[in-house]
Protein backbone atom coordinates (compact mmCIF):
# COMPACT_ATOMS: atom_id res chain seq x y z
CA MET A 1 57.52 119.72 100.09
CA ASP A 2 59.00 118.78 103.51
CA ASP A 3 62.82 118.32 103.30
CA THR A 4 63.23 117.13 106.92
CA ALA A 5 65.72 114.24 107.09
CA VAL A 6 64.16 110.93 108.09
CA HIS A 7 66.20 108.18 109.75
CA PHE A 8 66.18 104.98 107.74
CA ASN A 9 64.62 103.02 110.60
CA GLN A 10 62.39 105.78 111.95
CA GLY A 11 59.06 104.30 112.93
CA SER A 12 60.28 100.75 112.31
CA PHE A 13 60.73 99.84 115.99
CA ARG A 14 58.74 100.31 119.17
CA PRO A 15 60.06 102.91 121.70
CA GLY A 16 61.47 100.23 124.03
CA VAL A 17 63.71 98.67 121.41
CA LYS A 18 67.46 99.51 121.75
CA ILE A 19 69.13 100.49 118.50
CA GLY A 20 72.66 101.51 117.55
CA ASN A 21 75.82 100.45 119.45
CA TRP A 22 74.02 100.13 122.80
CA ASN A 23 75.82 96.97 123.91
CA GLU A 24 79.28 98.60 123.67
CA ASP A 25 78.06 101.68 125.56
CA GLN A 26 76.75 99.44 128.33
CA TYR A 27 80.09 97.61 128.60
CA LEU A 28 81.98 100.94 128.80
CA LYS A 29 79.75 102.17 131.65
CA GLU A 30 80.27 98.94 133.55
CA GLU A 31 84.03 99.14 133.02
CA GLN A 32 84.15 102.75 134.27
CA LEU A 33 82.20 101.76 137.37
CA ALA A 34 84.53 98.82 138.01
CA ASP A 35 87.60 101.10 137.71
CA PHE A 36 86.03 103.59 140.12
CA LEU A 37 85.29 100.90 142.70
CA ILE A 38 88.85 99.53 142.46
CA THR A 39 90.29 103.03 142.93
CA ALA A 40 87.92 103.70 145.85
CA ARG A 41 88.91 100.46 147.62
CA SER A 42 92.61 101.26 147.23
CA GLY A 43 92.12 104.76 148.72
CA ASP A 44 93.48 106.58 145.67
CA LEU A 45 90.53 108.93 145.10
CA SER A 46 91.22 112.65 145.39
CA PHE A 47 89.32 113.10 148.64
CA HIS A 48 91.22 110.12 150.13
CA LYS A 49 94.54 111.83 149.30
CA THR A 50 93.31 115.14 150.68
CA ASP A 51 92.13 113.58 153.94
CA ALA A 52 95.42 111.69 154.34
CA LEU A 53 97.41 114.87 153.69
CA ILE A 54 95.47 116.91 156.25
CA LYS A 55 95.69 114.12 158.83
CA ALA A 56 99.45 113.70 158.38
CA SER A 57 100.15 117.45 158.38
CA THR A 58 98.07 118.22 161.47
CA SER A 59 99.17 115.21 163.53
CA PRO A 60 100.30 116.37 167.00
CA SER A 61 103.97 117.11 167.48
CA ASP A 62 106.01 118.37 170.42
CA ILE A 63 108.25 121.35 171.14
CA SER A 64 111.27 121.54 173.42
CA THR A 65 111.41 122.77 176.97
CA SER A 66 113.58 125.84 177.37
CA LYS A 67 116.68 125.36 179.51
CA GLU A 68 117.49 128.46 181.55
CA GLY A 69 115.19 130.42 179.24
CA GLN A 70 117.58 130.14 176.28
CA ILE A 71 117.22 128.73 172.75
CA LEU A 72 119.71 125.92 172.09
CA TYR A 73 120.77 124.28 168.86
CA GLY A 74 118.60 121.21 168.37
CA ASP A 75 115.52 122.73 170.04
CA ARG A 76 112.12 122.21 168.42
CA VAL A 77 110.17 125.47 168.40
CA LEU A 78 107.11 127.27 167.10
CA LEU A 79 107.66 130.54 165.22
CA VAL A 80 104.66 132.65 166.17
CA ASN A 81 103.51 136.04 164.91
CA HIS A 82 101.21 137.19 167.71
CA ASN A 83 99.83 140.14 165.75
CA ALA A 84 98.57 137.78 163.05
CA LYS A 85 97.68 135.03 165.57
CA CYS A 86 99.43 132.43 163.44
CA THR A 87 102.53 130.28 163.17
CA LEU A 88 105.04 129.63 160.39
CA ALA A 89 104.00 126.41 158.62
CA SER A 90 104.63 124.31 155.54
CA LEU A 91 102.00 124.03 152.80
CA PRO A 92 102.18 120.47 151.44
CA LYS A 93 100.56 119.65 148.12
CA VAL A 94 98.23 116.78 147.26
CA HIS A 95 98.81 116.83 143.51
CA GLY A 96 101.88 117.80 141.49
CA GLY A 97 101.77 121.39 140.29
CA VAL A 98 99.53 122.58 143.12
CA HIS A 99 101.17 125.31 145.27
CA GLU A 100 104.44 124.53 143.52
CA VAL A 101 107.45 126.82 143.77
CA ALA A 102 108.45 127.73 140.23
CA SER A 103 112.20 127.50 140.76
CA ASP A 104 112.06 123.98 142.25
CA PRO A 105 109.20 121.48 141.77
CA ASP A 106 110.32 119.58 144.91
CA ALA A 107 110.02 122.65 147.12
CA LEU A 108 107.02 123.43 149.31
CA MET A 109 105.43 126.79 149.93
CA VAL A 110 105.53 128.44 153.35
CA VAL A 111 102.53 130.15 154.94
CA ALA A 112 101.47 131.60 158.26
CA ALA A 113 98.75 129.29 159.55
CA GLY A 114 96.30 130.27 162.25
CA VAL A 115 95.87 127.52 164.84
CA GLY A 116 94.13 128.39 168.07
CA GLU A 117 94.31 131.71 169.82
CA ALA A 118 97.36 133.97 170.01
CA ASP A 119 98.67 132.31 173.17
CA ALA A 120 97.41 128.76 172.54
CA HIS A 121 99.02 127.58 169.32
CA GLN A 122 99.02 123.83 168.83
CA PRO A 123 102.31 122.16 167.83
CA MET A 124 101.75 119.92 164.81
CA ARG A 125 103.85 118.32 162.12
CA ARG A 126 103.56 121.22 159.67
CA ASN A 127 104.51 124.05 162.04
CA VAL A 128 107.25 122.70 164.35
CA PHE A 129 110.77 123.74 163.32
CA THR A 130 114.13 122.51 164.59
CA VAL A 131 116.93 125.05 165.03
CA GLU A 132 119.99 123.33 163.50
CA PRO A 133 123.60 124.59 163.56
CA SER A 134 125.10 125.71 160.26
CA ASP A 135 128.76 126.36 161.14
CA GLY A 136 129.64 123.29 163.18
CA GLN A 137 128.26 124.56 166.47
CA PRO A 138 127.62 121.67 168.87
CA LEU A 139 124.05 120.62 169.62
CA GLY A 140 122.92 121.98 172.96
CA SER A 141 124.98 125.17 172.74
CA PRO A 142 123.05 128.47 172.96
CA VAL A 143 121.91 130.32 169.85
CA VAL A 144 123.21 133.90 169.88
CA PHE A 145 122.10 137.10 168.19
CA GLU A 146 123.40 137.74 164.62
CA GLU A 147 126.73 135.89 164.86
CA GLY A 148 127.04 132.77 162.72
CA GLY A 149 123.67 131.49 161.61
CA PHE A 150 121.30 128.57 161.90
CA LEU A 151 119.04 126.41 159.74
CA LEU A 152 115.31 125.97 160.24
CA MET A 153 114.21 122.40 159.56
CA CYS A 154 110.74 120.87 159.62
CA GLU A 155 109.46 117.40 158.77
CA ASN A 156 107.95 116.70 155.37
CA PRO A 157 104.29 115.73 156.04
CA THR A 158 103.95 113.74 152.81
CA ALA A 159 107.37 112.11 152.34
CA PRO A 160 110.24 110.93 154.54
CA GLY A 161 113.07 113.36 155.12
CA PRO A 162 113.55 116.94 156.36
CA LEU A 163 112.71 120.26 154.72
CA TYR A 164 114.84 123.39 155.12
CA LEU A 165 113.65 126.99 155.03
CA ARG A 166 115.35 128.81 152.16
CA SER A 167 115.22 132.04 150.25
CA GLU A 168 117.19 133.71 147.48
CA LYS A 169 117.46 137.18 146.04
CA THR A 170 115.01 137.86 143.24
CA HIS A 171 116.76 137.69 139.87
CA ILE A 172 116.02 136.91 136.24
CA SER A 173 115.88 133.12 136.71
CA SER A 174 114.11 133.08 140.09
CA SER A 175 110.46 133.52 140.97
CA VAL A 176 108.68 136.09 143.15
CA SER A 177 105.89 135.43 145.59
CA ARG A 178 102.51 134.95 143.95
CA LEU A 179 100.52 137.54 145.88
CA SER A 180 102.84 140.34 147.00
CA LYS A 181 105.57 139.80 144.33
CA GLU A 182 108.23 139.87 147.06
CA GLN A 183 111.21 137.61 147.73
CA VAL A 184 110.11 133.98 147.95
CA VAL A 185 110.54 131.84 151.07
CA SER A 186 110.18 128.10 150.54
CA LEU A 187 111.05 124.71 152.01
CA HIS A 188 113.54 122.47 150.21
CA PRO A 189 114.49 118.83 150.87
CA ASN A 190 118.18 119.65 150.37
CA LYS A 191 119.68 122.19 152.77
CA ASP A 192 122.60 122.84 150.39
CA GLY A 193 120.70 123.23 147.13
CA LEU A 194 122.18 125.78 144.75
CA ASN A 195 123.65 127.79 147.60
CA ALA A 196 123.96 126.60 151.20
CA TYR A 197 124.12 130.22 152.33
CA GLY A 198 120.52 130.65 151.19
CA SER A 199 119.36 128.37 154.03
CA MET A 200 121.04 130.38 156.79
CA TRP A 201 119.10 132.67 159.14
CA CYS A 202 119.89 134.63 162.27
CA PHE A 203 118.02 136.31 165.11
CA MET A 204 118.12 140.06 165.76
CA LEU A 205 116.90 141.88 168.84
CA LYS A 206 113.58 143.63 168.25
CA ASN A 207 114.74 146.89 169.86
CA PRO A 208 117.11 148.52 167.32
CA SER A 209 118.66 150.86 169.90
CA LEU A 210 120.03 147.87 171.87
CA ARG A 211 120.77 145.67 168.85
CA PHE A 212 124.51 146.43 168.66
CA GLU A 213 125.06 145.49 172.31
CA SER A 214 123.08 142.26 171.90
CA VAL A 215 125.36 140.74 169.21
CA GLY A 216 126.81 137.47 170.51
CA GLN A 217 124.40 137.30 173.45
CA PRO A 218 122.16 134.21 173.91
CA VAL A 219 118.66 134.46 172.47
CA GLN A 220 115.89 134.11 175.04
CA ALA A 221 112.93 131.86 174.33
CA ASN A 222 109.37 133.22 174.19
CA THR A 223 110.53 136.77 173.46
CA GLU A 224 109.97 138.89 170.34
CA VAL A 225 112.77 138.76 167.77
CA ILE A 226 113.47 139.56 164.13
CA ILE A 227 114.47 136.64 161.86
CA LYS A 228 116.90 137.80 159.15
CA HIS A 229 118.00 135.93 156.03
CA LYS A 230 121.80 135.90 156.05
CA GLN A 231 122.33 135.95 152.29
CA THR A 232 120.00 138.79 151.34
CA GLY A 233 119.56 140.67 154.63
CA GLU A 234 115.77 140.58 154.27
CA CYS A 235 113.60 139.77 157.29
CA LEU A 236 111.02 137.00 157.46
CA SER A 237 107.62 138.62 156.94
CA CYS A 238 104.08 137.44 157.70
CA ASN A 239 101.93 139.52 155.36
CA PHE A 240 98.79 139.49 157.51
CA ASN A 241 97.72 142.99 156.39
CA GLN A 242 97.55 141.81 152.79
CA VAL A 243 93.99 141.35 151.52
CA LYS A 244 94.78 138.37 149.29
CA LYS A 245 95.42 135.07 151.08
CA VAL A 246 96.87 131.70 150.15
CA VAL A 247 93.88 129.37 149.83
CA SER A 248 94.37 125.61 150.11
CA HIS A 249 92.84 122.52 151.71
CA PHE A 250 93.85 124.06 155.07
CA GLY A 251 91.78 127.20 154.45
CA ALA A 252 92.88 130.80 153.87
CA GLU A 253 96.34 131.52 155.31
CA HIS A 254 98.76 134.45 155.24
CA GLU A 255 101.57 134.63 152.70
CA VAL A 256 105.12 134.53 154.07
CA THR A 257 108.00 136.27 152.27
CA ALA A 258 111.48 137.63 152.91
CA SER A 259 110.81 141.35 153.00
CA THR A 260 111.81 143.95 155.59
CA LYS A 261 108.85 146.21 156.40
CA ILE A 262 109.89 149.56 157.91
CA THR A 263 107.52 151.80 159.87
CA ARG A 264 107.58 155.59 160.10
CA ALA A 265 109.63 155.21 163.27
CA LYS A 266 112.34 153.53 161.16
CA VAL A 267 111.95 150.14 162.88
CA GLU A 268 110.77 146.77 161.62
CA ALA A 269 106.98 146.49 161.35
CA GLN A 270 104.84 143.90 163.11
CA GLU A 271 104.95 141.67 160.02
CA ASN A 272 108.64 141.05 160.83
CA VAL A 273 108.21 140.38 164.55
CA TRP A 274 108.21 136.71 165.63
CA VAL A 275 108.24 134.85 168.92
CA VAL A 276 110.25 131.64 169.29
CA ALA A 277 107.75 129.70 171.39
CA MET A 278 108.92 126.91 173.68
CA LYS A 279 107.61 125.25 176.83
């Protein structure tokens, strides 16, 4: 005896006859299509947000012209690592939770973005930084090696207001970088934050044998320098030798951390060497 279940209306209708709750299903499909069209017309689809983010972040910007070859407070500069052929840049997020810094959901990640060749980097909104005074130094005065300190500010590509480069020593309630597990560098909308000292940086001469004599001397533009975090003493590092990269809508880019890399010659490695590029 065949125990196969038989539907109560099996064989009662022709194949073209709709049965069940077909009318409600049709209404739901039409409603979903209408919602999609409304969202598409308002430009709120994911690819619309991504395109707008990329366009805003890569919009052309401008850098300052060096006066007498020196870097002055208030100058807009590019921070270039020539060995990696990239510049320091912000990594804005399209959706909440994406590339988010664990210690602060309002913070943005920092990467080293490759734009153009080593000597032809393009200034854009995400990679132009302003050197701001931190201890009441007047705008237009020269930035000097190691003494005092300065803030590095860039524009927020997705919201009004500035972002400040910050770092803090790794501790039990802070996060480490995702790839190298080193000290995190991030951009915060508030330069004071938990500790204003965490936003302060200074330049050091690349040549360690002449570093002591250079303290207090003006920093020259378009020359190689070391950027040191005042609070922790760690140097800004572009981890271009690291196999893993930060992947986003902008492509694969190098991770940036606060970590002093020392070579066998007991000097800072190329990951810590930056050029303050100006016209």
